[in-house]
Each structure stands twice: as structure tokens, then as C-alpha cells.
Amino acid sequence: AKNVLVLADESEEQYQETRRGWLKSFEPKGYHEMRLVEQLILNDWLLKRANRRLLEAEADVDTENCEHRMELMQRYKTTAERSFYRALAAAEALRKDQLREDLIEERLIWRYDRKIASLREKVNRLRAINAANGQAPAGGGKESAARSRSSRDSERASSFPRLADGGRDGAENRRGWHEAGDSYRDRPRR
């Protein structure tokens, strides 16, 4: 496809230089980006060609149809300019979107890193307080979490008043759902 774009009176080296310049400027990463940059390269090359043809038409003032040829070359140049600037705007918009996404990602990572550091600092402070009070270190694993959850549930169940039918005020229901691993909010409604 590269050689088709270069006519006999044009230089392959100049085309390759134009191509390298745009590829270096935009550094496309995916197929979509590469297509936009290729369109930009093509439109830049066609704009340069239209400019050359217009200058050639202006230099050739001695022929009969010089005026018609100049008008035609001016239209070609105008069309090529529109296409070039449209492709350039699309490529720059893509770059802007990518920069915006990268910035958002960096901000999120920075925010989460700060949050993690803050939580680690709190855990370390709690461990230091527990060690100073002679308590076991916090975070004893799943077993200690399960023990503390069951003791919390039994304390909550004992705080509910007994109903006439002998059950507690919904405590068994909540505890039953909790032990099944579901949330109280997820239980079926009556």
C-alpha cells in the first residue's frame, strides 16, 4: 500500500519520512489508533500532493485551460486540507482521551495506595495498643473471626425479648441467615 501512494514524480523517501514523523508523533498502540494515524499520514501526503499540483498549475500560465486547471487544483487542495484536519482532529482527540484515561487511572491508583497506607497504619497502631495492653494480636485469622461472630450473635439473641410462642423477636431468623453466609437484607420477605 505504501508504494501505491507514491506517484512517479514523487519521492518514496519523502513519503517514508512523513510516515515516520507521524508515527513517532502519535506512537499508536492498537489497531484503532494505527488506523487513525494511517489516515492522517495518507491525508497529509495527499495535501502535499495537492499543494504541488496547485503550484505547478500556477507556474503553467501559458496554456489555454490554465484557469480551469488552477480552479480544479484549488478544489483538490481544499478537499485535501479538510480531510487532513479532520484526521488530525480525530487522532488528537484519541490522544486526549487516552491521556485523560491514564490520568484517571493514576489518580485512582494514588488514592487507593493512600487508603491502603492509612489502613496499614491503623492496623499497626491497633496492634501496638493491643501489645501494650497485653492482648493477643488482632487479625488472628478466620477462626477467631468466626468465634467472635458467633459470640456476637449469641449476645444479640439474648438481648431480644421473648415472644409468646417461645421464640425471640426474629433473632433466630437473622442468625440463621447470617450463618448461611447471606445478608439479613437478602432473606425472603413474608
N, C-alpha and C. Protein backbone atom coordinates (compact mmCIF):
# COMPACT_ATOMS: atom_id res chain seq x y z
N ALA A 1 0.83 -1.19 0.00
CA ALA A 1 0.00 0.00 0.00
C ALA A 1 0.86 1.25 0.00
N LYS A 2 2.07 1.15 0.54
CA LYS A 2 2.94 2.32 0.63
C LYS A 2 3.35 2.80 -0.77
N ASN A 3 3.69 1.86 -1.66
CA ASN A 3 4.17 2.25 -2.99
C ASN A 3 3.06 2.79 -3.87
N VAL A 4 1.82 2.39 -3.63
CA VAL A 4 0.71 2.87 -4.44
C VAL A 4 0.51 4.37 -4.22
N LEU A 5 0.79 4.85 -3.03
CA LEU A 5 0.57 6.25 -2.71
C LEU A 5 1.59 7.18 -3.37
N VAL A 6 2.72 6.62 -3.73
CA VAL A 6 3.80 7.44 -4.28
C VAL A 6 3.76 7.37 -5.80
N LEU A 7 3.51 8.51 -6.45
CA LEU A 7 3.47 8.56 -7.91
C LEU A 7 4.88 8.67 -8.48
N ALA A 8 4.96 8.61 -9.80
CA ALA A 8 6.27 8.59 -10.46
C ALA A 8 7.07 9.87 -10.19
N ASP A 9 6.38 11.00 -10.09
CA ASP A 9 7.10 12.27 -9.85
C ASP A 9 7.27 12.59 -8.36
N GLU A 10 6.99 11.63 -7.49
CA GLU A 10 7.11 11.83 -6.05
C GLU A 10 8.22 10.93 -5.50
N SER A 11 8.68 11.25 -4.31
CA SER A 11 9.78 10.53 -3.70
C SER A 11 9.27 9.57 -2.62
N GLU A 12 9.63 8.29 -2.74
CA GLU A 12 9.30 7.30 -1.71
C GLU A 12 9.95 7.69 -0.39
N GLU A 13 11.14 8.24 -0.46
CA GLU A 13 11.86 8.65 0.75
C GLU A 13 11.10 9.75 1.50
N GLN A 14 10.54 10.71 0.77
CA GLN A 14 9.77 11.78 1.41
C GLN A 14 8.50 11.22 2.06
N TYR A 15 7.87 10.26 1.36
CA TYR A 15 6.69 9.63 1.95
C TYR A 15 7.04 8.90 3.23
N GLN A 16 8.12 8.12 3.20
CA GLN A 16 8.55 7.38 4.39
C GLN A 16 8.92 8.33 5.53
N GLU A 17 9.52 9.46 5.19
CA GLU A 17 9.86 10.47 6.20
C GLU A 17 8.59 11.04 6.85
N THR A 18 7.59 11.32 6.02
CA THR A 18 6.30 11.81 6.54
C THR A 18 5.67 10.75 7.44
N ARG A 19 5.71 9.50 6.99
CA ARG A 19 5.13 8.39 7.75
C ARG A 19 5.82 8.23 9.10
N ARG A 20 7.16 8.23 9.09
CA ARG A 20 7.92 8.08 10.34
C ARG A 20 7.63 9.24 11.31
N GLY A 21 7.51 10.43 10.76
CA GLY A 21 7.23 11.60 11.60
C GLY A 21 5.92 11.48 12.34
N TRP A 22 4.85 11.09 11.62
CA TRP A 22 3.54 10.95 12.27
C TRP A 22 3.51 9.77 13.24
N LEU A 23 4.17 8.66 12.85
CA LEU A 23 4.20 7.50 13.76
C LEU A 23 4.96 7.83 15.03
N LYS A 24 6.04 8.59 14.90
CA LYS A 24 6.80 9.00 16.08
C LYS A 24 6.00 9.97 16.93
N SER A 25 5.27 10.84 16.27
CA SER A 25 4.50 11.86 17.00
C SER A 25 3.35 11.24 17.80
N PHE A 26 2.64 10.26 17.21
CA PHE A 26 1.47 9.70 17.88
C PHE A 26 1.72 8.37 18.57
N GLU A 27 2.70 7.60 18.15
CA GLU A 27 3.03 6.30 18.73
C GLU A 27 1.77 5.47 18.96
N PRO A 28 1.09 5.04 17.88
CA PRO A 28 -0.14 4.26 18.04
C PRO A 28 0.11 2.91 18.70
N LYS A 29 -0.83 2.50 19.56
CA LYS A 29 -0.66 1.26 20.33
C LYS A 29 -1.57 0.14 19.86
N GLY A 30 -2.72 0.44 19.34
CA GLY A 30 -3.67 -0.60 18.94
C GLY A 30 -4.10 -0.40 17.50
N TYR A 31 -4.97 -1.29 17.06
CA TYR A 31 -5.45 -1.24 15.67
C TYR A 31 -6.17 0.07 15.39
N HIS A 32 -7.04 0.46 16.29
CA HIS A 32 -7.83 1.69 16.11
C HIS A 32 -6.91 2.90 15.98
N GLU A 33 -5.95 3.00 16.85
CA GLU A 33 -5.02 4.12 16.80
C GLU A 33 -4.21 4.10 15.50
N MET A 34 -3.75 2.90 15.12
CA MET A 34 -2.95 2.78 13.90
C MET A 34 -3.76 3.20 12.68
N ARG A 35 -5.04 2.83 12.64
CA ARG A 35 -5.88 3.23 11.50
C ARG A 35 -6.03 4.75 11.44
N LEU A 36 -6.22 5.38 12.59
CA LEU A 36 -6.35 6.85 12.58
C LEU A 36 -5.06 7.51 12.12
N VAL A 37 -3.92 7.00 12.58
CA VAL A 37 -2.64 7.60 12.19
C VAL A 37 -2.36 7.32 10.71
N GLU A 38 -2.71 6.14 10.22
CA GLU A 38 -2.53 5.87 8.79
C GLU A 38 -3.39 6.80 7.94
N GLN A 39 -4.61 7.07 8.40
CA GLN A 39 -5.47 8.01 7.69
C GLN A 39 -4.87 9.41 7.71
N LEU A 40 -4.29 9.78 8.81
CA LEU A 40 -3.62 11.08 8.93
C LEU A 40 -2.43 11.15 7.98
N ILE A 41 -1.63 10.09 7.91
CA ILE A 41 -0.47 10.05 7.02
C ILE A 41 -0.92 10.19 5.57
N LEU A 42 -1.93 9.43 5.19
CA LEU A 42 -2.45 9.49 3.82
C LEU A 42 -2.94 10.90 3.48
N ASN A 43 -3.72 11.49 4.39
CA ASN A 43 -4.26 12.82 4.11
C ASN A 43 -3.16 13.88 4.08
N ASP A 44 -2.13 13.73 4.89
CA ASP A 44 -1.01 14.66 4.83
C ASP A 44 -0.30 14.54 3.48
N TRP A 45 -0.10 13.30 3.04
CA TRP A 45 0.58 13.08 1.76
C TRP A 45 -0.25 13.64 0.59
N LEU A 46 -1.57 13.42 0.64
CA LEU A 46 -2.43 13.96 -0.42
C LEU A 46 -2.49 15.48 -0.40
N LEU A 47 -2.41 16.08 0.78
CA LEU A 47 -2.37 17.54 0.88
C LEU A 47 -1.08 18.08 0.28
N LYS A 48 0.03 17.43 0.57
CA LYS A 48 1.30 17.87 -0.04
C LYS A 48 1.25 17.75 -1.56
N ARG A 49 0.63 16.65 -2.04
CA ARG A 49 0.50 16.46 -3.48
C ARG A 49 -0.37 17.56 -4.08
N ALA A 50 -1.49 17.87 -3.44
CA ALA A 50 -2.39 18.91 -3.95
C ALA A 50 -1.69 20.27 -3.97
N ASN A 51 -0.89 20.54 -2.95
CA ASN A 51 -0.13 21.80 -2.94
C ASN A 51 0.85 21.85 -4.11
N ARG A 52 1.54 20.73 -4.37
CA ARG A 52 2.49 20.70 -5.50
C ARG A 52 1.76 20.90 -6.82
N ARG A 53 0.61 20.23 -6.98
CA ARG A 53 -0.14 20.34 -8.23
C ARG A 53 -0.67 21.76 -8.44
N LEU A 54 -1.08 22.41 -7.38
CA LEU A 54 -1.55 23.79 -7.49
C LEU A 54 -0.41 24.72 -7.90
N LEU A 55 0.74 24.52 -7.29
CA LEU A 55 1.91 25.35 -7.65
C LEU A 55 2.32 25.10 -9.10
N GLU A 56 2.24 23.85 -9.55
CA GLU A 56 2.55 23.54 -10.95
C GLU A 56 1.56 24.22 -11.89
N ALA A 57 0.27 24.23 -11.51
CA ALA A 57 -0.75 24.87 -12.33
C ALA A 57 -0.53 26.37 -12.38
N GLU A 58 -0.14 26.97 -11.29
CA GLU A 58 0.13 28.41 -11.28
C GLU A 58 1.36 28.75 -12.12
N ALA A 59 2.33 27.87 -12.14
CA ALA A 59 3.54 28.12 -12.92
C ALA A 59 3.27 27.94 -14.41
N ASP A 60 2.24 27.20 -14.77
CA ASP A 60 1.92 26.90 -16.17
C ASP A 60 0.84 27.85 -16.67
N VAL A 61 1.12 29.13 -16.71
CA VAL A 61 0.12 30.14 -17.08
C VAL A 61 -0.04 30.31 -18.57
N ASP A 62 0.78 29.69 -19.39
CA ASP A 62 0.76 29.91 -20.84
C ASP A 62 -0.24 29.02 -21.58
N THR A 63 -0.79 28.03 -20.92
CA THR A 63 -1.70 27.12 -21.62
C THR A 63 -3.11 27.69 -21.67
N GLU A 64 -3.95 27.11 -22.56
CA GLU A 64 -5.32 27.59 -22.76
C GLU A 64 -6.21 27.35 -21.54
N ASN A 65 -6.15 26.16 -21.01
CA ASN A 65 -7.05 25.81 -19.90
C ASN A 65 -6.38 26.02 -18.54
N CYS A 66 -5.50 26.96 -18.44
CA CYS A 66 -4.76 27.23 -17.19
C CYS A 66 -5.72 27.61 -16.06
N GLU A 67 -6.69 28.46 -16.37
CA GLU A 67 -7.61 28.92 -15.33
C GLU A 67 -8.46 27.77 -14.81
N HIS A 68 -8.96 26.95 -15.71
CA HIS A 68 -9.78 25.79 -15.31
C HIS A 68 -8.94 24.82 -14.48
N ARG A 69 -7.71 24.58 -14.89
CA ARG A 69 -6.83 23.65 -14.16
C ARG A 69 -6.50 24.19 -12.77
N MET A 70 -6.28 25.51 -12.65
CA MET A 70 -5.99 26.10 -11.34
C MET A 70 -7.19 25.97 -10.41
N GLU A 71 -8.39 26.21 -10.93
CA GLU A 71 -9.60 26.06 -10.12
C GLU A 71 -9.75 24.62 -9.64
N LEU A 72 -9.49 23.68 -10.54
CA LEU A 72 -9.59 22.27 -10.19
C LEU A 72 -8.57 21.89 -9.11
N MET A 73 -7.33 22.35 -9.27
CA MET A 73 -6.29 22.04 -8.28
C MET A 73 -6.59 22.71 -6.93
N GLN A 74 -7.20 23.91 -6.98
CA GLN A 74 -7.58 24.58 -5.74
C GLN A 74 -8.66 23.78 -5.01
N ARG A 75 -9.62 23.22 -5.75
CA ARG A 75 -10.65 22.38 -5.13
C ARG A 75 -10.02 21.12 -4.53
N TYR A 76 -9.10 20.51 -5.26
CA TYR A 76 -8.40 19.33 -4.74
C TYR A 76 -7.67 19.66 -3.44
N LYS A 77 -7.01 20.81 -3.44
CA LYS A 77 -6.26 21.23 -2.25
C LYS A 77 -7.20 21.47 -1.08
N THR A 78 -8.33 22.13 -1.33
CA THR A 78 -9.30 22.40 -0.27
C THR A 78 -9.86 21.10 0.30
N THR A 79 -10.17 20.16 -0.56
CA THR A 79 -10.68 18.86 -0.11
C THR A 79 -9.62 18.13 0.71
N ALA A 80 -8.37 18.17 0.23
CA ALA A 80 -7.28 17.51 0.95
C ALA A 80 -7.05 18.16 2.32
N GLU A 81 -7.15 19.49 2.38
CA GLU A 81 -6.98 20.19 3.67
C GLU A 81 -8.06 19.77 4.66
N ARG A 82 -9.31 19.73 4.21
CA ARG A 82 -10.40 19.33 5.09
C ARG A 82 -10.18 17.92 5.63
N SER A 83 -9.82 17.01 4.73
CA SER A 83 -9.59 15.62 5.14
C SER A 83 -8.43 15.53 6.11
N PHE A 84 -7.37 16.28 5.84
CA PHE A 84 -6.20 16.24 6.72
C PHE A 84 -6.56 16.75 8.11
N TYR A 85 -7.21 17.90 8.19
CA TYR A 85 -7.53 18.46 9.50
C TYR A 85 -8.57 17.63 10.24
N ARG A 86 -9.46 16.97 9.51
CA ARG A 86 -10.42 16.07 10.15
C ARG A 86 -9.69 14.86 10.75
N ALA A 87 -8.74 14.30 10.00
CA ALA A 87 -7.97 13.15 10.50
C ALA A 87 -7.08 13.57 11.67
N LEU A 88 -6.49 14.76 11.58
CA LEU A 88 -5.65 15.27 12.67
C LEU A 88 -6.48 15.48 13.93
N ALA A 89 -7.68 16.04 13.79
CA ALA A 89 -8.55 16.26 14.95
C ALA A 89 -8.95 14.92 15.58
N ALA A 90 -9.23 13.92 14.76
CA ALA A 90 -9.62 12.60 15.30
C ALA A 90 -8.45 11.96 16.05
N ALA A 91 -7.24 12.06 15.49
CA ALA A 91 -6.07 11.48 16.15
C ALA A 91 -5.75 12.21 17.45
N GLU A 92 -5.87 13.54 17.44
CA GLU A 92 -5.61 14.30 18.66
C GLU A 92 -6.68 14.05 19.72
N ALA A 93 -7.92 13.87 19.30
CA ALA A 93 -9.00 13.56 20.25
C ALA A 93 -8.75 12.20 20.90
N LEU A 94 -8.30 11.25 20.11
CA LEU A 94 -7.97 9.93 20.67
C LEU A 94 -6.84 10.04 21.68
N ARG A 95 -5.83 10.81 21.33
CA ARG A 95 -4.69 11.01 22.25
C ARG A 95 -5.16 11.69 23.54
N LYS A 96 -6.03 12.67 23.40
CA LYS A 96 -6.56 13.38 24.57
C LYS A 96 -7.35 12.44 25.47
N ASP A 97 -8.18 11.59 24.86
CA ASP A 97 -8.95 10.61 25.63
C ASP A 97 -8.03 9.64 26.36
N GLN A 98 -6.97 9.21 25.67
CA GLN A 98 -6.02 8.29 26.31
C GLN A 98 -5.32 8.95 27.48
N LEU A 99 -4.91 10.20 27.30
CA LEU A 99 -4.26 10.92 28.40
C LEU A 99 -5.21 11.09 29.57
N ARG A 100 -6.49 11.38 29.28
CA ARG A 100 -7.48 11.53 30.33
C ARG A 100 -7.67 10.21 31.08
N GLU A 101 -7.76 9.10 30.34
CA GLU A 101 -7.91 7.79 30.98
C GLU A 101 -6.69 7.45 31.82
N ASP A 102 -5.49 7.75 31.31
CA ASP A 102 -4.27 7.49 32.07
C ASP A 102 -4.24 8.31 33.35
N LEU A 103 -4.66 9.57 33.26
CA LEU A 103 -4.68 10.44 34.43
C LEU A 103 -5.67 9.93 35.47
N ILE A 104 -6.86 9.51 35.02
CA ILE A 104 -7.85 8.97 35.95
C ILE A 104 -7.32 7.72 36.61
N GLU A 105 -6.68 6.86 35.83
CA GLU A 105 -6.12 5.62 36.38
C GLU A 105 -5.03 5.93 37.42
N GLU A 106 -4.17 6.90 37.10
CA GLU A 106 -3.12 7.27 38.05
C GLU A 106 -3.71 7.83 39.34
N ARG A 107 -4.75 8.66 39.20
CA ARG A 107 -5.40 9.22 40.39
C ARG A 107 -6.02 8.12 41.25
N LEU A 108 -6.69 7.15 40.60
CA LEU A 108 -7.30 6.06 41.35
C LEU A 108 -6.24 5.23 42.07
N ILE A 109 -5.17 4.93 41.38
CA ILE A 109 -4.08 4.16 41.99
C ILE A 109 -3.51 4.93 43.17
N TRP A 110 -3.27 6.21 42.99
CA TRP A 110 -2.72 7.04 44.06
C TRP A 110 -3.68 7.07 45.25
N ARG A 111 -4.99 7.21 44.96
CA ARG A 111 -5.99 7.27 46.02
C ARG A 111 -6.05 5.95 46.79
N TYR A 112 -6.04 4.82 46.06
CA TYR A 112 -6.08 3.52 46.72
C TYR A 112 -4.79 3.25 47.49
N ASP A 113 -3.67 3.67 46.94
CA ASP A 113 -2.41 3.50 47.67
C ASP A 113 -2.44 4.27 49.00
N ARG A 114 -2.97 5.49 48.97
CA ARG A 114 -3.10 6.27 50.20
C ARG A 114 -4.03 5.60 51.18
N LYS A 115 -5.15 5.08 50.68
CA LYS A 115 -6.12 4.41 51.55
C LYS A 115 -5.51 3.16 52.18
N ILE A 116 -4.78 2.37 51.38
CA ILE A 116 -4.13 1.17 51.91
C ILE A 116 -3.09 1.54 52.95
N ALA A 117 -2.30 2.58 52.68
CA ALA A 117 -1.29 3.01 53.64
C ALA A 117 -1.95 3.46 54.94
N SER A 118 -3.07 4.18 54.83
CA SER A 118 -3.79 4.63 56.01
C SER A 118 -4.32 3.45 56.81
N LEU A 119 -4.88 2.45 56.13
CA LEU A 119 -5.39 1.27 56.83
C LEU A 119 -4.26 0.48 57.49
N ARG A 120 -3.14 0.35 56.83
CA ARG A 120 -2.00 -0.35 57.42
C ARG A 120 -1.52 0.37 58.68
N GLU A 121 -1.52 1.70 58.59
CA GLU A 121 -1.10 2.50 59.74
C GLU A 121 -2.05 2.27 60.92
N LYS A 122 -3.36 2.22 60.64
CA LYS A 122 -4.34 1.98 61.70
C LYS A 122 -4.16 0.60 62.31
N VAL A 123 -3.94 -0.41 61.44
CA VAL A 123 -3.73 -1.77 61.94
C VAL A 123 -2.49 -1.82 62.82
N ASN A 124 -1.43 -1.18 62.40
CA ASN A 124 -0.19 -1.17 63.20
C ASN A 124 -0.41 -0.48 64.55
N ARG A 125 -1.19 0.61 64.53
CA ARG A 125 -1.49 1.29 65.80
C ARG A 125 -2.30 0.41 66.73
N LEU A 126 -3.30 -0.28 66.16
CA LEU A 126 -4.12 -1.19 66.98
C LEU A 126 -3.28 -2.33 67.52
N ARG A 127 -2.39 -2.86 66.73
CA ARG A 127 -1.51 -3.93 67.22
C ARG A 127 -0.62 -3.43 68.34
N ALA A 128 -0.12 -2.22 68.19
CA ALA A 128 0.73 -1.65 69.24
C ALA A 128 -0.07 -1.44 70.53
N ILE A 129 -1.30 -0.97 70.40
CA ILE A 129 -2.16 -0.77 71.58
C ILE A 129 -2.47 -2.11 72.22
N ASN A 130 -2.81 -3.12 71.42
CA ASN A 130 -3.10 -4.46 71.95
C ASN A 130 -1.87 -5.05 72.63
N ALA A 131 -0.71 -4.87 72.03
CA ALA A 131 0.51 -5.40 72.63
C ALA A 131 0.81 -4.70 73.95
N ALA A 132 0.54 -3.40 74.01
CA ALA A 132 0.77 -2.65 75.24
C ALA A 132 -0.20 -3.07 76.34
N ASN A 133 -1.41 -3.46 75.96
CA ASN A 133 -2.42 -3.91 76.92
C ASN A 133 -2.30 -5.39 77.24
N GLY A 134 -1.38 -6.07 76.56
CA GLY A 134 -1.18 -7.49 76.82
C GLY A 134 -2.20 -8.38 76.14
N GLN A 135 -2.88 -7.88 75.15
CA GLN A 135 -3.87 -8.68 74.42
C GLN A 135 -3.20 -9.39 73.25
N ALA A 136 -3.91 -10.41 72.76
CA ALA A 136 -3.41 -11.13 71.58
C ALA A 136 -3.46 -10.20 70.38
N PRO A 137 -2.56 -10.37 69.44
CA PRO A 137 -2.57 -9.50 68.26
C PRO A 137 -3.86 -9.64 67.48
N ALA A 138 -4.28 -8.53 66.89
CA ALA A 138 -5.51 -8.54 66.09
C ALA A 138 -5.27 -9.29 64.80
N GLY A 139 -6.37 -9.75 64.21
CA GLY A 139 -6.25 -10.43 62.92
C GLY A 139 -5.77 -11.85 63.09
N GLY A 140 -6.37 -12.61 64.01
CA GLY A 140 -5.96 -13.97 64.27
C GLY A 140 -6.43 -14.95 63.23
N GLY A 141 -7.00 -14.55 62.15
CA GLY A 141 -7.39 -15.44 61.09
C GLY A 141 -8.89 -15.70 61.06
N LYS A 142 -9.31 -16.65 60.25
CA LYS A 142 -10.73 -16.95 60.04
C LYS A 142 -11.37 -17.54 61.29
N GLU A 143 -10.61 -18.34 62.00
CA GLU A 143 -11.19 -18.99 63.18
C GLU A 143 -11.59 -17.97 64.23
N SER A 144 -10.71 -17.02 64.51
CA SER A 144 -11.05 -16.02 65.53
C SER A 144 -12.20 -15.15 65.07
N ALA A 145 -12.27 -14.87 63.75
CA ALA A 145 -13.38 -14.07 63.24
C ALA A 145 -14.69 -14.83 63.40
N ALA A 146 -14.68 -16.14 63.13
CA ALA A 146 -15.90 -16.95 63.27
C ALA A 146 -16.32 -17.02 64.74
N ARG A 147 -15.33 -17.17 65.64
CA ARG A 147 -15.66 -17.22 67.08
C ARG A 147 -16.28 -15.91 67.52
N SER A 148 -15.67 -14.81 67.12
CA SER A 148 -16.20 -13.52 67.57
C SER A 148 -17.57 -13.26 66.95
N ARG A 149 -17.82 -13.72 65.74
CA ARG A 149 -19.12 -13.54 65.11
C ARG A 149 -20.19 -14.36 65.84
N SER A 150 -19.88 -15.62 66.20
CA SER A 150 -20.88 -16.44 66.89
C SER A 150 -21.14 -15.89 68.29
N SER A 151 -20.12 -15.40 68.98
CA SER A 151 -20.36 -14.82 70.30
C SER A 151 -21.17 -13.54 70.19
N ARG A 152 -20.94 -12.76 69.14
CA ARG A 152 -21.74 -11.54 68.92
C ARG A 152 -23.18 -11.93 68.66
N ASP A 153 -23.40 -12.97 67.86
CA ASP A 153 -24.77 -13.40 67.55
C ASP A 153 -25.50 -13.87 68.81
N SER A 154 -24.81 -14.61 69.67
CA SER A 154 -25.48 -15.10 70.87
C SER A 154 -25.79 -13.93 71.82
N GLU A 155 -24.91 -12.94 71.88
CA GLU A 155 -25.18 -11.76 72.71
C GLU A 155 -26.39 -11.01 72.17
N ARG A 156 -26.46 -10.88 70.84
CA ARG A 156 -27.61 -10.19 70.25
C ARG A 156 -28.89 -10.96 70.50
N ALA A 157 -28.86 -12.27 70.36
CA ALA A 157 -30.05 -13.09 70.55
C ALA A 157 -30.56 -12.97 71.97
N SER A 158 -29.68 -12.90 72.94
CA SER A 158 -30.13 -12.81 74.33
C SER A 158 -30.71 -11.45 74.65
N SER A 159 -30.43 -10.45 73.85
CA SER A 159 -30.95 -9.12 74.14
C SER A 159 -32.35 -8.91 73.60
N PHE A 160 -32.87 -9.85 72.78
CA PHE A 160 -34.23 -9.70 72.26
C PHE A 160 -35.24 -10.25 73.26
N PRO A 161 -36.39 -9.58 73.42
CA PRO A 161 -37.42 -10.10 74.35
C PRO A 161 -38.07 -11.36 73.78
N ARG A 162 -38.47 -12.26 74.66
CA ARG A 162 -39.12 -13.49 74.24
C ARG A 162 -40.53 -13.17 73.77
N LEU A 163 -40.94 -13.90 72.72
CA LEU A 163 -42.30 -13.74 72.21
C LEU A 163 -43.20 -14.77 72.89
N ALA A 164 -44.49 -14.65 72.66
CA ALA A 164 -45.47 -15.56 73.29
C ALA A 164 -45.27 -16.99 72.82
N ASP A 165 -44.80 -17.19 71.59
CA ASP A 165 -44.63 -18.56 71.09
C ASP A 165 -43.30 -19.17 71.54
N GLY A 166 -42.56 -18.51 72.36
CA GLY A 166 -41.31 -19.04 72.89
C GLY A 166 -40.07 -18.62 72.10
N GLY A 167 -40.26 -18.08 70.91
CA GLY A 167 -39.11 -17.65 70.11
C GLY A 167 -38.69 -16.25 70.47
N ARG A 168 -37.55 -15.88 70.03
CA ARG A 168 -37.12 -14.49 70.25
C ARG A 168 -37.57 -13.64 69.08
N ASP A 169 -37.56 -12.38 69.28
CA ASP A 169 -38.10 -11.44 68.30
C ASP A 169 -37.28 -11.43 67.01
N GLY A 170 -37.37 -12.48 66.22
CA GLY A 170 -36.69 -12.52 64.94
C GLY A 170 -35.21 -12.80 65.02
N ALA A 171 -34.66 -13.02 66.22
CA ALA A 171 -33.22 -13.21 66.35
C ALA A 171 -32.77 -14.49 65.66
N GLU A 172 -33.58 -15.57 65.78
CA GLU A 172 -33.19 -16.82 65.14
C GLU A 172 -33.17 -16.65 63.62
N ASN A 173 -34.16 -15.92 63.14
CA ASN A 173 -34.20 -15.69 61.70
C ASN A 173 -32.93 -14.99 61.22
N ARG A 174 -32.57 -13.93 61.89
CA ARG A 174 -31.37 -13.20 61.48
C ARG A 174 -30.13 -14.06 61.65
N ARG A 175 -30.01 -14.76 62.74
CA ARG A 175 -28.83 -15.57 62.99
C ARG A 175 -28.76 -16.68 61.96
N GLY A 176 -29.90 -17.30 61.64
CA GLY A 176 -29.93 -18.37 60.66
C GLY A 176 -29.44 -17.89 59.30
N TRP A 177 -29.90 -16.75 58.88
CA TRP A 177 -29.44 -16.21 57.59
C TRP A 177 -27.99 -15.83 57.66
N HIS A 178 -27.58 -15.29 58.76
CA HIS A 178 -26.19 -14.86 58.90
C HIS A 178 -25.26 -16.06 58.83
N GLU A 179 -25.63 -17.15 59.50
CA GLU A 179 -24.77 -18.33 59.48
C GLU A 179 -24.72 -18.96 58.10
N ALA A 180 -25.76 -18.79 57.31
CA ALA A 180 -25.77 -19.35 55.96
C ALA A 180 -24.88 -18.53 55.02
N GLY A 181 -24.37 -17.44 55.50
CA GLY A 181 -23.48 -16.61 54.69
C GLY A 181 -24.19 -15.52 53.92
N ASP A 182 -25.49 -15.43 54.06
CA ASP A 182 -26.25 -14.40 53.37
C ASP A 182 -26.48 -13.22 54.29
N SER A 183 -26.84 -12.14 53.71
CA SER A 183 -27.15 -10.95 54.48
C SER A 183 -28.60 -11.01 54.95
N TYR A 184 -28.89 -10.37 56.06
CA TYR A 184 -30.26 -10.30 56.57
C TYR A 184 -31.17 -9.63 55.54
N ARG A 185 -30.60 -8.69 54.78
CA ARG A 185 -31.37 -7.99 53.77
C ARG A 185 -31.76 -8.91 52.61
N ASP A 186 -30.99 -9.99 52.40
CA ASP A 186 -31.24 -10.92 51.27
C ASP A 186 -32.31 -11.95 51.59
N ARG A 187 -32.83 -12.00 52.84
CA ARG A 187 -33.77 -13.04 53.21
C ARG A 187 -35.09 -12.85 52.46
N PRO A 188 -35.82 -13.93 52.24
CA PRO A 188 -37.13 -13.79 51.57
C PRO A 188 -38.12 -13.06 52.46
N ARG A 189 -38.93 -12.25 51.90
CA ARG A 189 -39.93 -11.49 52.65
C ARG A 189 -41.17 -12.34 52.83
N ARG A 190 -41.87 -12.14 53.96
CA ARG A 190 -43.11 -12.87 54.23
C ARG A 190 -44.27 -12.15 53.64
